[in-house]
Amino acid sequence: MSKFDEAMEASKAQMQSCNIDCDEVLLKNVTKALGPSIYNKDANLVAAGDKKEVDNIKKKFIAGKLGVEGDQADEAIKHAVEKIGSDNRQKLRPVFYYLIVKFLNKESIYG
């Protein structure tokens, strides 16, 4: 199994354990767009309690890639944290970003 396939399987497993419906095509496209970060254990995890990381996600991903700012960006991050579980310290980046894309109805960017 390739490292990409392993990342996909881990993401699908986390989604299943959190009762998150999985659009596999969207998850695959979001995961591919993350590039080599998914192969680095630290970079593949989102530290949702780290203000610097959250600000980076808002600036570079939500505003930069999805074109959304302000309260909507904050709500999307809050939604992703809640769906994965605020107590879950292993928030996989592909799942986190997938949830943001779905929440903001930006699937067409990955279509």
PDB file of N, CA and C in Angstrom:
ATOM      1  N   MET A   1       0.853  -1.173   0.000  1.00  0.00           N
ATOM      2  CA  MET A   1       0.000   0.000   0.000  1.00  0.00           C
ATOM      3  C   MET A   1       0.901   1.239   0.000  1.00  0.00           C
ATOM      4  N   SER A   2       0.570   2.210  -0.851  1.00  0.00           N
ATOM      5  CA  SER A   2       1.368   3.432  -0.926  1.00  0.00           C
ATOM      6  C   SER A   2       1.141   4.301   0.308  1.00  0.00           C
ATOM      7  N   LYS A   3       2.043   5.235   0.526  1.00  0.00           N
ATOM      8  CA  LYS A   3       1.901   6.142   1.668  1.00  0.00           C
ATOM      9  C   LYS A   3       0.636   6.987   1.507  1.00  0.00           C
ATOM     10  N   PHE A   4       0.302   7.357   0.280  1.00  0.00           N
ATOM     11  CA  PHE A   4      -0.931   8.115   0.054  1.00  0.00           C
ATOM     12  C   PHE A   4      -2.141   7.268   0.448  1.00  0.00           C
ATOM     13  N   ASP A   5      -2.141   6.012   0.031  1.00  0.00           N
ATOM     14  CA  ASP A   5      -3.255   5.119   0.392  1.00  0.00           C
ATOM     15  C   ASP A   5      -3.355   4.951   1.907  1.00  0.00           C
ATOM     16  N   GLU A   6      -2.208   4.880   2.573  1.00  0.00           N
ATOM     17  CA  GLU A   6      -2.205   4.781   4.038  1.00  0.00           C
ATOM     18  C   GLU A   6      -2.824   6.029   4.661  1.00  0.00           C
ATOM     19  N   ALA A   7      -2.492   7.200   4.111  1.00  0.00           N
ATOM     20  CA  ALA A   7      -3.052   8.457   4.616  1.00  0.00           C
ATOM     21  C   ALA A   7      -4.565   8.490   4.396  1.00  0.00           C
ATOM     22  N   MET A   8      -4.984   8.002   3.250  1.00  0.00           N
ATOM     23  CA  MET A   8      -6.432   7.953   2.963  1.00  0.00           C
ATOM     24  C   MET A   8      -7.138   7.008   3.928  1.00  0.00           C
ATOM     25  N   GLU A   9      -6.571   5.842   4.153  1.00  0.00           N
ATOM     26  CA  GLU A   9      -7.181   4.865   5.062  1.00  0.00           C
ATOM     27  C   GLU A   9      -7.270   5.411   6.484  1.00  0.00           C
ATOM     28  N   ALA A  10      -6.212   6.077   6.934  1.00  0.00           N
ATOM     29  CA  ALA A  10      -6.222   6.670   8.278  1.00  0.00           C
ATOM     30  C   ALA A  10      -7.303   7.745   8.373  1.00  0.00           C
ATOM     31  N   SER A  11      -7.434   8.548   7.323  1.00  0.00           N
ATOM     32  CA  SER A  11      -8.456   9.602   7.312  1.00  0.00           C
ATOM     33  C   SER A  11      -9.856   9.009   7.323  1.00  0.00           C
ATOM     34  N   LYS A  12     -10.078   7.996   6.503  1.00  0.00           N
ATOM     35  CA  LYS A  12     -11.403   7.348   6.475  1.00  0.00           C
ATOM     36  C   LYS A  12     -11.722   6.698   7.820  1.00  0.00           C
ATOM     37  N   ALA A  13     -10.713   6.112   8.454  1.00  0.00           N
ATOM     38  CA  ALA A  13     -10.934   5.486   9.762  1.00  0.00           C
ATOM     39  C   ALA A  13     -11.315   6.539  10.799  1.00  0.00           C
ATOM     40  N   GLN A  14     -10.631   7.695  10.766  1.00  0.00           N
ATOM     41  CA  GLN A  14     -10.980   8.750  11.718  1.00  0.00           C
ATOM     42  C   GLN A  14     -12.394   9.262  11.452  1.00  0.00           C
ATOM     43  N   MET A  15     -12.738   9.410  10.200  1.00  0.00           N
ATOM     44  CA  MET A  15     -14.079   9.873   9.860  1.00  0.00           C
ATOM     45  C   MET A  15     -15.133   8.886  10.349  1.00  0.00           C
ATOM     46  N   GLN A  16     -14.865   7.614  10.147  1.00  0.00           N
ATOM     47  CA  GLN A  16     -15.811   6.587  10.580  1.00  0.00           C
ATOM     48  C   GLN A  16     -15.959   6.608  12.099  1.00  0.00           C
ATOM     49  N   SER A  17     -14.855   6.735  12.815  1.00  0.00           N
ATOM     50  CA  SER A  17     -14.916   6.733  14.279  1.00  0.00           C
ATOM     51  C   SER A  17     -15.625   7.970  14.829  1.00  0.00           C
ATOM     52  N   CYS A  18     -15.671   9.035  14.040  1.00  0.00           N
ATOM     53  CA  CYS A  18     -16.338  10.275  14.457  1.00  0.00           C
ATOM     54  C   CYS A  18     -17.729  10.419  13.830  1.00  0.00           C
ATOM     55  N   ASN A  19     -18.197   9.363  13.163  1.00  0.00           N
ATOM     56  CA  ASN A  19     -19.500   9.369  12.487  1.00  0.00           C
ATOM     57  C   ASN A  19     -19.636  10.509  11.477  1.00  0.00           C
ATOM     58  N   ILE A  20     -18.604  10.685  10.670  1.00  0.00           N
ATOM     59  CA  ILE A  20     -18.597  11.700   9.620  1.00  0.00           C
ATOM     60  C   ILE A  20     -18.795  10.991   8.287  1.00  0.00           C
ATOM     61  N   ASP A  21     -19.822  11.400   7.543  1.00  0.00           N
ATOM     62  CA  ASP A  21     -20.039  10.839   6.215  1.00  0.00           C
ATOM     63  C   ASP A  21     -18.849  11.192   5.333  1.00  0.00           C
ATOM     64  N   CYS A  22     -18.424  10.233   4.525  1.00  0.00           N
ATOM     65  CA  CYS A  22     -17.226  10.427   3.711  1.00  0.00           C
ATOM     66  C   CYS A  22     -17.554  10.413   2.220  1.00  0.00           C
ATOM     67  N   ASP A  23     -17.294  11.531   1.569  1.00  0.00           N
ATOM     68  CA  ASP A  23     -17.308  11.617   0.112  1.00  0.00           C
ATOM     69  C   ASP A  23     -15.859  11.302  -0.283  1.00  0.00           C
ATOM     70  N   GLU A  24     -15.616  10.050  -0.690  1.00  0.00           N
ATOM     71  CA  GLU A  24     -14.236   9.610  -0.935  1.00  0.00           C
ATOM     72  C   GLU A  24     -13.527  10.405  -2.019  1.00  0.00           C
ATOM     73  N   VAL A  25     -14.256  10.839  -3.037  1.00  0.00           N
ATOM     74  CA  VAL A  25     -13.633  11.615  -4.107  1.00  0.00           C
ATOM     75  C   VAL A  25     -13.153  12.957  -3.555  1.00  0.00           C
ATOM     76  N   LEU A  26     -13.992  13.617  -2.780  1.00  0.00           N
ATOM     77  CA  LEU A  26     -13.602  14.896  -2.188  1.00  0.00           C
ATOM     78  C   LEU A  26     -12.442  14.698  -1.213  1.00  0.00           C
ATOM     79  N   LEU A  27     -12.520  13.681  -0.370  1.00  0.00           N
ATOM     80  CA  LEU A  27     -11.439  13.423   0.579  1.00  0.00           C
ATOM     81  C   LEU A  27     -10.126  13.183  -0.161  1.00  0.00           C
ATOM     82  N   LYS A  28     -10.175  12.415  -1.230  1.00  0.00           N
ATOM     83  CA  LYS A  28      -8.968  12.135  -2.020  1.00  0.00           C
ATOM     84  C   LYS A  28      -8.391  13.424  -2.603  1.00  0.00           C
ATOM     85  N   ASN A  29      -9.266  14.279  -3.138  1.00  0.00           N
ATOM     86  CA  ASN A  29      -8.807  15.525  -3.750  1.00  0.00           C
ATOM     87  C   ASN A  29      -8.236  16.492  -2.711  1.00  0.00           C
ATOM     88  N   VAL A  30      -8.875  16.576  -1.550  1.00  0.00           N
ATOM     89  CA  VAL A  30      -8.367  17.428  -0.476  1.00  0.00           C
ATOM     90  C   VAL A  30      -7.014  16.897   0.000  1.00  0.00           C
ATOM     91  N   THR A  31      -6.911  15.594   0.166  1.00  0.00           N
ATOM     92  CA  THR A  31      -5.674  14.979   0.636  1.00  0.00           C
ATOM     93  C   THR A  31      -4.547  15.211  -0.366  1.00  0.00           C
ATOM     94  N   LYS A  32      -4.822  15.033  -1.653  1.00  0.00           N
ATOM     95  CA  LYS A  32      -3.808  15.273  -2.692  1.00  0.00           C
ATOM     96  C   LYS A  32      -3.327  16.712  -2.654  1.00  0.00           C
ATOM     97  N   ALA A  33      -4.259  17.642  -2.465  1.00  0.00           N
ATOM     98  CA  ALA A  33      -3.915  19.063  -2.472  1.00  0.00           C
ATOM     99  C   ALA A  33      -3.008  19.444  -1.302  1.00  0.00           C
ATOM    100  N   LEU A  34      -3.009  18.636  -0.248  1.00  0.00           N
ATOM    101  CA  LEU A  34      -2.148  18.923   0.899  1.00  0.00           C
ATOM    102  C   LEU A  34      -0.683  18.588   0.621  1.00  0.00           C
ATOM    103  N   GLY A  35      -0.442  17.862  -0.440  1.00  0.00           N
ATOM    104  CA  GLY A  35       0.923  17.565  -0.850  1.00  0.00           C
ATOM    105  C   GLY A  35       1.691  16.737   0.161  1.00  0.00           C
ATOM    106  N   PRO A  36       3.003  16.960   0.234  1.00  0.00           N
ATOM    107  CA  PRO A  36       3.848  16.119   1.080  1.00  0.00           C
ATOM    108  C   PRO A  36       3.606  16.262   2.583  1.00  0.00           C
ATOM    109  N   SER A  37       2.835  17.254   2.998  1.00  0.00           N
ATOM    110  CA  SER A  37       2.589  17.426   4.440  1.00  0.00           C
ATOM    111  C   SER A  37       1.904  16.206   5.046  1.00  0.00           C
ATOM    112  N   ILE A  38       1.162  15.452   4.226  1.00  0.00           N
ATOM    113  CA  ILE A  38       0.450  14.291   4.769  1.00  0.00           C
ATOM    114  C   ILE A  38       1.386  13.151   5.128  1.00  0.00           C
ATOM    115  N   TYR A  39       2.646  13.231   4.682  1.00  0.00           N
ATOM    116  CA  TYR A  39       3.601  12.166   4.960  1.00  0.00           C
ATOM    117  C   TYR A  39       4.452  12.451   6.195  1.00  0.00           C
ATOM    118  N   ASN A  40       4.309  13.639   6.756  1.00  0.00           N
ATOM    119  CA  ASN A  40       5.039  14.025   7.957  1.00  0.00           C
ATOM    120  C   ASN A  40       4.089  13.962   9.139  1.00  0.00           C
ATOM    121  N   LYS A  41       4.408  13.157  10.135  1.00  0.00           N
ATOM    122  CA  LYS A  41       3.499  12.926  11.268  1.00  0.00           C
ATOM    123  C   LYS A  41       3.046  14.221  11.922  1.00  0.00           C
ATOM    124  N   ASP A  42       3.958  15.149  12.182  1.00  0.00           N
ATOM    125  CA  ASP A  42       3.578  16.410  12.822  1.00  0.00           C
ATOM    126  C   ASP A  42       2.749  17.292  11.901  1.00  0.00           C
ATOM    127  N   ALA A  43       3.155  17.417  10.649  1.00  0.00           N
ATOM    128  CA  ALA A  43       2.444  18.284   9.712  1.00  0.00           C
ATOM    129  C   ALA A  43       1.072  17.727   9.352  1.00  0.00           C
ATOM    130  N   ASN A  44       0.902  16.415   9.491  1.00  0.00           N
ATOM    131  CA  ASN A  44      -0.371  15.793   9.141  1.00  0.00           C
ATOM    132  C   ASN A  44      -1.421  15.952  10.236  1.00  0.00           C
ATOM    133  N   LEU A  45      -1.005  16.475  11.390  1.00  0.00           N
ATOM    134  CA  LEU A  45      -1.938  16.687  12.492  1.00  0.00           C
ATOM    135  C   LEU A  45      -2.191  18.175  12.680  1.00  0.00           C
ATOM    136  N   VAL A  46      -3.420  18.527  13.005  1.00  0.00           N
ATOM    137  CA  VAL A  46      -3.787  19.919  13.266  1.00  0.00           C
ATOM    138  C   VAL A  46      -3.806  20.132  14.775  1.00  0.00           C
ATOM    139  N   ALA A  47      -3.047  21.116  15.225  1.00  0.00           N
ATOM    140  CA  ALA A  47      -3.063  21.510  16.635  1.00  0.00           C
ATOM    141  C   ALA A  47      -4.100  22.625  16.775  1.00  0.00           C
ATOM    142  N   ALA A  48      -5.353  22.230  16.930  1.00  0.00           N
ATOM    143  CA  ALA A  48      -6.455  23.197  16.939  1.00  0.00           C
ATOM    144  C   ALA A  48      -6.407  24.144  18.127  1.00  0.00           C
ATOM    145  N   GLY A  49      -5.638  23.806  19.151  1.00  0.00           N
ATOM    146  CA  GLY A  49      -5.503  24.678  20.306  1.00  0.00           C
ATOM    147  C   GLY A  49      -4.373  25.684  20.170  1.00  0.00           C
ATOM    148  N   ASP A  50      -3.633  25.598  19.072  1.00  0.00           N
ATOM    149  CA  ASP A  50      -2.500  26.488  18.827  1.00  0.00           C
ATOM    150  C   ASP A  50      -2.971  27.659  17.966  1.00  0.00           C
ATOM    151  N   LYS A  51      -3.043  28.848  18.576  1.00  0.00           N
ATOM    152  CA  LYS A  51      -3.561  30.033  17.874  1.00  0.00           C
ATOM    153  C   LYS A  51      -2.794  30.307  16.583  1.00  0.00           C
ATOM    154  N   LYS A  52      -1.476  30.127  16.615  1.00  0.00           N
ATOM    155  CA  LYS A  52      -0.661  30.377  15.416  1.00  0.00           C
ATOM    156  C   LYS A  52      -1.065  29.438  14.276  1.00  0.00           C
ATOM    157  N   GLU A  53      -1.278  28.177  14.603  1.00  0.00           N
ATOM    158  CA  GLU A  53      -1.681  27.230  13.558  1.00  0.00           C
ATOM    159  C   GLU A  53      -3.078  27.548  13.034  1.00  0.00           C
ATOM    160  N   VAL A  54      -3.996  27.853  13.933  1.00  0.00           N
ATOM    161  CA  VAL A  54      -5.367  28.185  13.516  1.00  0.00           C
ATOM    162  C   VAL A  54      -5.359  29.439  12.628  1.00  0.00           C
ATOM    163  N   ASP A  55      -4.575  30.435  13.008  1.00  0.00           N
ATOM    164  CA  ASP A  55      -4.472  31.650  12.185  1.00  0.00           C
ATOM    165  C   ASP A  55      -3.897  31.323  10.815  1.00  0.00           C
ATOM    166  N   ASN A  56      -2.923  30.417  10.771  1.00  0.00           N
ATOM    167  CA  ASN A  56      -2.321  30.004   9.510  1.00  0.00           C
ATOM    168  C   ASN A  56      -3.345  29.289   8.622  1.00  0.00           C
ATOM    169  N   ILE A  57      -4.162  28.429   9.215  1.00  0.00           N
ATOM    170  CA  ILE A  57      -5.205  27.728   8.464  1.00  0.00           C
ATOM    171  C   ILE A  57      -6.207  28.740   7.914  1.00  0.00           C
ATOM    172  N   LYS A  58      -6.586  29.710   8.744  1.00  0.00           N
ATOM    173  CA  LYS A  58      -7.541  30.735   8.285  1.00  0.00           C
ATOM    174  C   LYS A  58      -6.971  31.555   7.131  1.00  0.00           C
ATOM    175  N   LYS A  59      -5.702  31.968   7.277  1.00  0.00           N
ATOM    176  CA  LYS A  59      -5.092  32.844   6.273  1.00  0.00           C
ATOM    177  C   LYS A  59      -4.777  32.108   4.970  1.00  0.00           C
ATOM    178  N   LYS A  60      -4.074  30.985   5.093  1.00  0.00           N
ATOM    179  CA  LYS A  60      -3.576  30.322   3.879  1.00  0.00           C
ATOM    180  C   LYS A  60      -4.590  29.377   3.239  1.00  0.00           C
ATOM    181  N   PHE A  61      -5.364  28.692   4.039  1.00  0.00           N
ATOM    182  CA  PHE A  61      -6.300  27.724   3.462  1.00  0.00           C
ATOM    183  C   PHE A  61      -7.691  28.323   3.262  1.00  0.00           C
ATOM    184  N   ILE A  62      -8.284  28.796   4.338  1.00  0.00           N
ATOM    185  CA  ILE A  62      -9.675  29.247   4.228  1.00  0.00           C
ATOM    186  C   ILE A  62      -9.781  30.525   3.404  1.00  0.00           C
ATOM    187  N   ALA A  63      -8.937  31.514   3.679  1.00  0.00           N
ATOM    188  CA  ALA A  63      -8.986  32.751   2.897  1.00  0.00           C
ATOM    189  C   ALA A  63      -8.284  32.585   1.559  1.00  0.00           C
ATOM    190  N   GLY A  64      -7.070  32.029   1.594  1.00  0.00           N
ATOM    191  CA  GLY A  64      -6.269  31.919   0.379  1.00  0.00           C
ATOM    192  C   GLY A  64      -6.818  30.957  -0.654  1.00  0.00           C
ATOM    193  N   LYS A  65      -7.197  29.769  -0.229  1.00  0.00           N
ATOM    194  CA  LYS A  65      -7.658  28.750  -1.179  1.00  0.00           C
ATOM    195  C   LYS A  65      -9.175  28.783  -1.379  1.00  0.00           C
ATOM    196  N   LEU A  66      -9.910  28.952  -0.267  1.00  0.00           N
ATOM    197  CA  LEU A  66     -11.373  28.888  -0.370  1.00  0.00           C
ATOM    198  C   LEU A  66     -12.034  30.250  -0.536  1.00  0.00           C
ATOM    199  N   GLY A  67     -11.303  31.328  -0.285  1.00  0.00           N
ATOM    200  CA  GLY A  67     -11.837  32.677  -0.477  1.00  0.00           C
ATOM    201  C   GLY A  67     -12.853  33.103   0.572  1.00  0.00           C
ATOM    202  N   VAL A  68     -12.721  32.591   1.785  1.00  0.00           N
ATOM    203  CA  VAL A  68     -13.663  32.911   2.864  1.00  0.00           C
ATOM    204  C   VAL A  68     -12.889  33.521   4.021  1.00  0.00           C
ATOM    205  N   GLU A  69     -13.447  34.581   4.609  1.00  0.00           N
ATOM    206  CA  GLU A  69     -12.796  35.240   5.741  1.00  0.00           C
ATOM    207  C   GLU A  69     -13.803  35.531   6.838  1.00  0.00           C
ATOM    208  N   GLY A  70     -13.322  36.082   7.943  1.00  0.00           N
ATOM    209  CA  GLY A  70     -14.171  36.567   9.020  1.00  0.00           C
ATOM    210  C   GLY A  70     -14.856  35.479   9.818  1.00  0.00           C
ATOM    211  N   ASP A  71     -16.082  35.777  10.215  1.00  0.00           N
ATOM    212  CA  ASP A  71     -16.842  34.874  11.079  1.00  0.00           C
ATOM    213  C   ASP A  71     -17.050  33.500  10.452  1.00  0.00           C
ATOM    214  N   GLN A  72     -17.237  33.471   9.135  1.00  0.00           N
ATOM    215  CA  GLN A  72     -17.433  32.177   8.463  1.00  0.00           C
ATOM    216  C   GLN A  72     -16.219  31.275   8.633  1.00  0.00           C
ATOM    217  N   ALA A  73     -15.040  31.856   8.557  1.00  0.00           N
ATOM    218  CA  ALA A  73     -13.806  31.082   8.730  1.00  0.00           C
ATOM    219  C   ALA A  73     -13.736  30.533  10.153  1.00  0.00           C
ATOM    220  N   ASP A  74     -14.062  31.366  11.121  1.00  0.00           N
ATOM    221  CA  ASP A  74     -14.053  30.923  12.521  1.00  0.00           C
ATOM    222  C   ASP A  74     -15.076  29.815  12.753  1.00  0.00           C
ATOM    223  N   GLU A  75     -16.253  29.965  12.164  1.00  0.00           N
ATOM    224  CA  GLU A  75     -17.304  28.952  12.312  1.00  0.00           C
ATOM    225  C   GLU A  75     -16.888  27.628  11.679  1.00  0.00           C
ATOM    226  N   ALA A  76     -16.206  27.686  10.545  1.00  0.00           N
ATOM    227  CA  ALA A  76     -15.756  26.470   9.862  1.00  0.00           C
ATOM    228  C   ALA A  76     -14.732  25.717  10.717  1.00  0.00           C
ATOM    229  N   ILE A  77     -13.817  26.445  11.330  1.00  0.00           N
ATOM    230  CA  ILE A  77     -12.820  25.809  12.192  1.00  0.00           C
ATOM    231  C   ILE A  77     -13.508  25.211  13.416  1.00  0.00           C
ATOM    232  N   LYS A  78     -14.415  25.960  14.007  1.00  0.00           N
ATOM    233  CA  LYS A  78     -15.149  25.455  15.178  1.00  0.00           C
ATOM    234  C   LYS A  78     -15.915  24.179  14.820  1.00  0.00           C
ATOM    235  N   HIS A  79     -16.534  24.177  13.650  1.00  0.00           N
ATOM    236  CA  HIS A  79     -17.279  23.006  13.188  1.00  0.00           C
ATOM    237  C   HIS A  79     -16.359  21.789  13.069  1.00  0.00           C
ATOM    238  N   ALA A  80     -15.196  21.972  12.448  1.00  0.00           N
ATOM    239  CA  ALA A  80     -14.253  20.861  12.264  1.00  0.00           C
ATOM    240  C   ALA A  80     -13.782  20.322  13.614  1.00  0.00           C
ATOM    241  N   VAL A  81     -13.477  21.210  14.541  1.00  0.00           N
ATOM    242  CA  VAL A  81     -13.025  20.792  15.873  1.00  0.00           C
ATOM    243  C   VAL A  81     -14.122  19.979  16.561  1.00  0.00           C
ATOM    244  N   GLU A  82     -15.355  20.465  16.484  1.00  0.00           N
ATOM    245  CA  GLU A  82     -16.465  19.774  17.139  1.00  0.00           C
ATOM    246  C   GLU A  82     -16.750  18.411  16.518  1.00  0.00           C
ATOM    247  N   LYS A  83     -16.688  18.321  15.192  1.00  0.00           N
ATOM    248  CA  LYS A  83     -16.978  17.050  14.520  1.00  0.00           C
ATOM    249  C   LYS A  83     -15.935  15.984  14.841  1.00  0.00           C
ATOM    250  N   ILE A  84     -14.670  16.379  14.882  1.00  0.00           N
ATOM    251  CA  ILE A  84     -13.613  15.411  15.189  1.00  0.00           C
ATOM    252  C   ILE A  84     -13.566  15.159  16.703  1.00  0.00           C
ATOM    253  N   GLY A  85     -13.917  16.175  17.457  1.00  0.00           N
ATOM    254  CA  GLY A  85     -13.918  16.053  18.915  1.00  0.00           C
ATOM    255  C   GLY A  85     -12.831  16.915  19.521  1.00  0.00           C
ATOM    256  N   SER A  86     -13.234  17.876  20.340  1.00  0.00           N
ATOM    257  CA  SER A  86     -12.247  18.790  20.920  1.00  0.00           C
ATOM    258  C   SER A  86     -11.244  18.053  21.800  1.00  0.00           C
ATOM    259  N   ASP A  87     -11.624  16.899  22.320  1.00  0.00           N
ATOM    260  CA  ASP A  87     -10.721  16.116  23.165  1.00  0.00           C
ATOM    261  C   ASP A  87      -9.791  15.215  22.358  1.00  0.00           C
ATOM    262  N   ASN A  88     -10.031  15.092  21.057  1.00  0.00           N
ATOM    263  CA  ASN A  88      -9.186  14.269  20.193  1.00  0.00           C
ATOM    264  C   ASN A  88      -7.957  15.079  19.780  1.00  0.00           C
ATOM    265  N   ARG A  89      -6.805  14.689  20.269  1.00  0.00           N
ATOM    266  CA  ARG A  89      -5.579  15.431  19.981  1.00  0.00           C
ATOM    267  C   ARG A  89      -4.948  15.010  18.644  1.00  0.00           C
ATOM    268  N   GLN A  90      -5.520  14.028  17.980  1.00  0.00           N
ATOM    269  CA  GLN A  90      -4.979  13.524  16.714  1.00  0.00           C
ATOM    270  C   GLN A  90      -5.888  13.912  15.545  1.00  0.00           C
ATOM    271  N   LYS A  91      -6.097  15.185  15.362  1.00  0.00           N
ATOM    272  CA  LYS A  91      -6.954  15.663  14.273  1.00  0.00           C
ATOM    273  C   LYS A  91      -6.157  15.598  12.970  1.00  0.00           C
ATOM    274  N   LEU A  92      -6.499  14.662  12.119  1.00  0.00           N
ATOM    275  CA  LEU A  92      -5.785  14.516  10.856  1.00  0.00           C
ATOM    276  C   LEU A  92      -6.113  15.686   9.934  1.00  0.00           C
ATOM    277  N   ARG A  93      -5.077  16.255   9.343  1.00  0.00           N
ATOM    278  CA  ARG A  93      -5.253  17.441   8.493  1.00  0.00           C
ATOM    279  C   ARG A  93      -6.208  17.193   7.324  1.00  0.00           C
ATOM    280  N   PRO A  94      -6.125  16.055   6.624  1.00  0.00           N
ATOM    281  CA  PRO A  94      -7.086  15.854   5.529  1.00  0.00           C
ATOM    282  C   PRO A  94      -8.538  15.868   6.010  1.00  0.00           C
ATOM    283  N   VAL A  95      -8.807  15.280   7.154  1.00  0.00           N
ATOM    284  CA  VAL A  95     -10.173  15.253   7.689  1.00  0.00           C
ATOM    285  C   VAL A  95     -10.590  16.655   8.115  1.00  0.00           C
ATOM    286  N   PHE A  96      -9.706  17.360   8.785  1.00  0.00           N
ATOM    287  CA  PHE A  96      -9.988  18.718   9.257  1.00  0.00           C
ATOM    288  C   PHE A  96     -10.319  19.627   8.075  1.00  0.00           C
ATOM    289  N   TYR A  97      -9.497  19.583   7.038  1.00  0.00           N
ATOM    290  CA  TYR A  97      -9.708  20.425   5.867  1.00  0.00           C
ATOM    291  C   TYR A  97     -10.963  19.985   5.100  1.00  0.00           C
ATOM    292  N   TYR A  98     -11.187  18.696   5.017  1.00  0.00           N
ATOM    293  CA  TYR A  98     -12.396  18.161   4.374  1.00  0.00           C
ATOM    294  C   TYR A  98     -13.642  18.748   5.040  1.00  0.00           C
ATOM    295  N   LEU A  99     -13.664  18.727   6.360  1.00  0.00           N
ATOM    296  CA  LEU A  99     -14.821  19.244   7.095  1.00  0.00           C
ATOM    297  C   LEU A  99     -15.025  20.733   6.853  1.00  0.00           C
ATOM    298  N   ILE A 100     -13.938  21.476   6.748  1.00  0.00           N
ATOM    299  CA  ILE A 100     -14.035  22.911   6.459  1.00  0.00           C
ATOM    300  C   ILE A 100     -14.614  23.127   5.066  1.00  0.00           C
ATOM    301  N   VAL A 101     -14.110  22.374   4.095  1.00  0.00           N
ATOM    302  CA  VAL A 101     -14.601  22.490   2.710  1.00  0.00           C
ATOM    303  C   VAL A 101     -16.100  22.195   2.652  1.00  0.00           C
ATOM    304  N   LYS A 102     -16.516  21.108   3.303  1.00  0.00           N
ATOM    305  CA  LYS A 102     -17.941  20.740   3.302  1.00  0.00           C
ATOM    306  C   LYS A 102     -18.786  21.803   4.007  1.00  0.00           C
ATOM    307  N   PHE A 103     -18.330  22.285   5.156  1.00  0.00           N
ATOM    308  CA  PHE A 103     -19.073  23.272   5.928  1.00  0.00           C
ATOM    309  C   PHE A 103     -19.294  24.546   5.118  1.00  0.00           C
ATOM    310  N   LEU A 104     -18.283  24.941   4.362  1.00  0.00           N
ATOM    311  CA  LEU A 104     -18.356  26.183   3.577  1.00  0.00           C
ATOM    312  C   LEU A 104     -18.925  25.960   2.177  1.00  0.00           C
ATOM    313  N   ASN A 105     -19.327  24.726   1.866  1.00  0.00           N
ATOM    314  CA  ASN A 105     -19.871  24.394   0.545  1.00  0.00           C
ATOM    315  C   ASN A 105     -18.927  24.798  -0.584  1.00  0.00           C
ATOM    316  N   LYS A 106     -17.655  24.453  -0.425  1.00  0.00           N
ATOM    317  CA  LYS A 106     -16.641  24.801  -1.413  1.00  0.00           C
ATOM    318  C   LYS A 106     -16.118  23.566  -2.163  1.00  0.00           C
ATOM    319  N   GLU A 107     -16.934  22.526  -2.224  1.00  0.00           N
ATOM    320  CA  GLU A 107     -16.522  21.290  -2.891  1.00  0.00           C
ATOM    321  C   GLU A 107     -16.138  21.515  -4.339  1.00  0.00           C
ATOM    322  N   SER A 108     -16.739  22.495  -4.990  1.00  0.00           N
ATOM    323  CA  SER A 108     -16.468  22.737  -6.413  1.00  0.00           C
ATOM    324  C   SER A 108     -15.004  23.092  -6.673  1.00  0.00           C
ATOM    325  N   ILE A 109     -14.314  23.624  -5.672  1.00  0.00           N
ATOM    326  CA  ILE A 109     -12.898  23.961  -5.827  1.00  0.00           C
ATOM    327  C   ILE A 109     -12.083  22.688  -6.059  1.00  0.00           C
ATOM    328  N   TYR A 110     -12.574  21.570  -5.534  1.00  0.00           N
ATOM    329  CA  TYR A 110     -11.866  20.300  -5.644  1.00  0.00           C
ATOM    330  C   TYR A 110     -12.486  19.374  -6.679  1.00  0.00           C
ATOM    331  N   GLY A 111     -13.396  19.885  -7.488  1.00  0.00           N
ATOM    332  CA  GLY A 111     -14.110  19.035  -8.430  1.00  0.00           C
ATOM    333  C   GLY A 111     -13.466  18.878  -9.697  1.00  0.00           C
TER     334      GLY A 111
END
